[in-house]
Amino acid sequence: MAECEVLSACIFFNDKMANMPGTAAGYKRQYCQGDNLQCARYMVLKSLGKPKVPPDLFPNQESRARKIIAEG
């Protein structure tokens, strides 16, 4: 799968993970350069739009993403 089209603008990686490069690299491999459809941030973005993506939502928080989407 190709790199996620929103990676360069993802505030999670550009702001929140700067002091955790090892963790960020793992998340990027799995979610941004792997199956971005499993990324919680991407799920909310595609369902509700960028303004609805919480800045503290981790890519692996799929259940939280589903709740956000359900609440619309």
Protein backbone atom coordinates (compact mmCIF):
# COMPACT_ATOMS: atom_id res chain seq x y z
CA MET A 1 0.00 0.00 0.00
CA ALA A 2 1.20 3.52 -0.75
CA GLU A 3 2.00 6.08 1.90
CA CYS A 4 -1.04 7.76 3.44
CA GLU A 5 -1.95 10.90 1.52
CA VAL A 6 -2.35 12.95 4.72
CA LEU A 7 0.89 11.92 6.47
CA SER A 8 2.74 15.15 5.70
CA ALA A 9 -0.13 17.18 7.23
CA CYS A 10 -0.89 14.83 10.15
CA ILE A 11 -0.53 16.90 13.32
CA PHE A 12 -0.16 13.74 15.35
CA PHE A 13 3.19 12.92 13.77
CA ASN A 14 4.32 16.46 13.09
CA ASP A 15 3.54 17.77 16.58
CA LYS A 16 2.76 15.02 19.10
CA MET A 17 5.44 12.43 18.38
CA ALA A 18 8.55 14.59 17.99
CA ASN A 19 10.02 13.43 21.30
CA MET A 20 9.23 9.73 20.65
CA PRO A 21 10.92 8.94 17.32
CA GLY A 22 11.03 5.16 17.85
CA THR A 23 7.33 4.92 18.66
CA ALA A 24 6.47 7.27 15.81
CA ALA A 25 8.46 5.15 13.36
CA GLY A 26 6.57 2.02 14.40
CA TYR A 27 3.18 3.70 14.04
CA LYS A 28 4.17 5.14 10.66
CA ARG A 29 5.25 1.73 9.36
CA GLN A 30 2.05 0.06 10.51
CA TYR A 31 -0.56 2.71 9.79
CA CYS A 32 0.86 5.32 7.40
CA GLN A 33 2.95 3.13 5.14
CA GLY A 34 0.89 -0.01 5.70
CA ASP A 35 -2.88 -0.27 6.02
CA ASN A 36 -4.01 3.29 6.64
CA LEU A 37 -7.63 2.09 6.64
CA GLN A 38 -6.88 0.68 10.11
CA CYS A 39 -5.60 4.04 11.40
CA ALA A 40 -8.04 5.56 13.88
CA ARG A 41 -7.12 9.08 12.77
CA TYR A 42 -7.67 8.23 9.10
CA MET A 43 -11.02 6.57 9.92
CA VAL A 44 -12.36 9.71 11.60
CA LEU A 45 -10.90 11.97 8.91
CA LYS A 46 -12.57 10.07 6.09
CA SER A 47 -15.90 9.70 7.92
CA LEU A 48 -16.33 13.12 9.52
CA GLY A 49 -13.64 15.42 8.14
CA LYS A 50 -10.40 16.85 9.50
CA PRO A 51 -11.97 19.16 12.14
CA LYS A 52 -13.43 16.12 13.94
CA VAL A 53 -10.08 14.33 14.39
CA PRO A 54 -8.99 14.88 18.02
CA PRO A 55 -5.34 15.95 18.24
CA ASP A 56 -4.68 13.31 20.91
CA LEU A 57 -6.19 10.38 18.98
CA PHE A 58 -3.55 7.67 18.52
CA PRO A 59 -3.54 5.64 15.29
CA ASN A 60 -4.19 2.44 17.26
CA GLN A 61 -7.31 3.74 19.06
CA GLU A 62 -9.79 2.14 16.68
CA SER A 63 -12.54 1.70 19.30
CA ARG A 64 -12.31 5.38 20.24
CA ALA A 65 -12.48 6.32 16.56
CA ARG A 66 -15.60 4.21 16.08
CA LYS A 67 -17.24 5.92 19.04
CA ILE A 68 -16.37 9.38 17.65
CA ILE A 69 -17.80 8.38 14.27
CA ALA A 70 -20.97 6.97 15.84
CA GLU A 71 -21.52 10.20 17.77
CA GLY A 72 -20.96 12.13 14.55
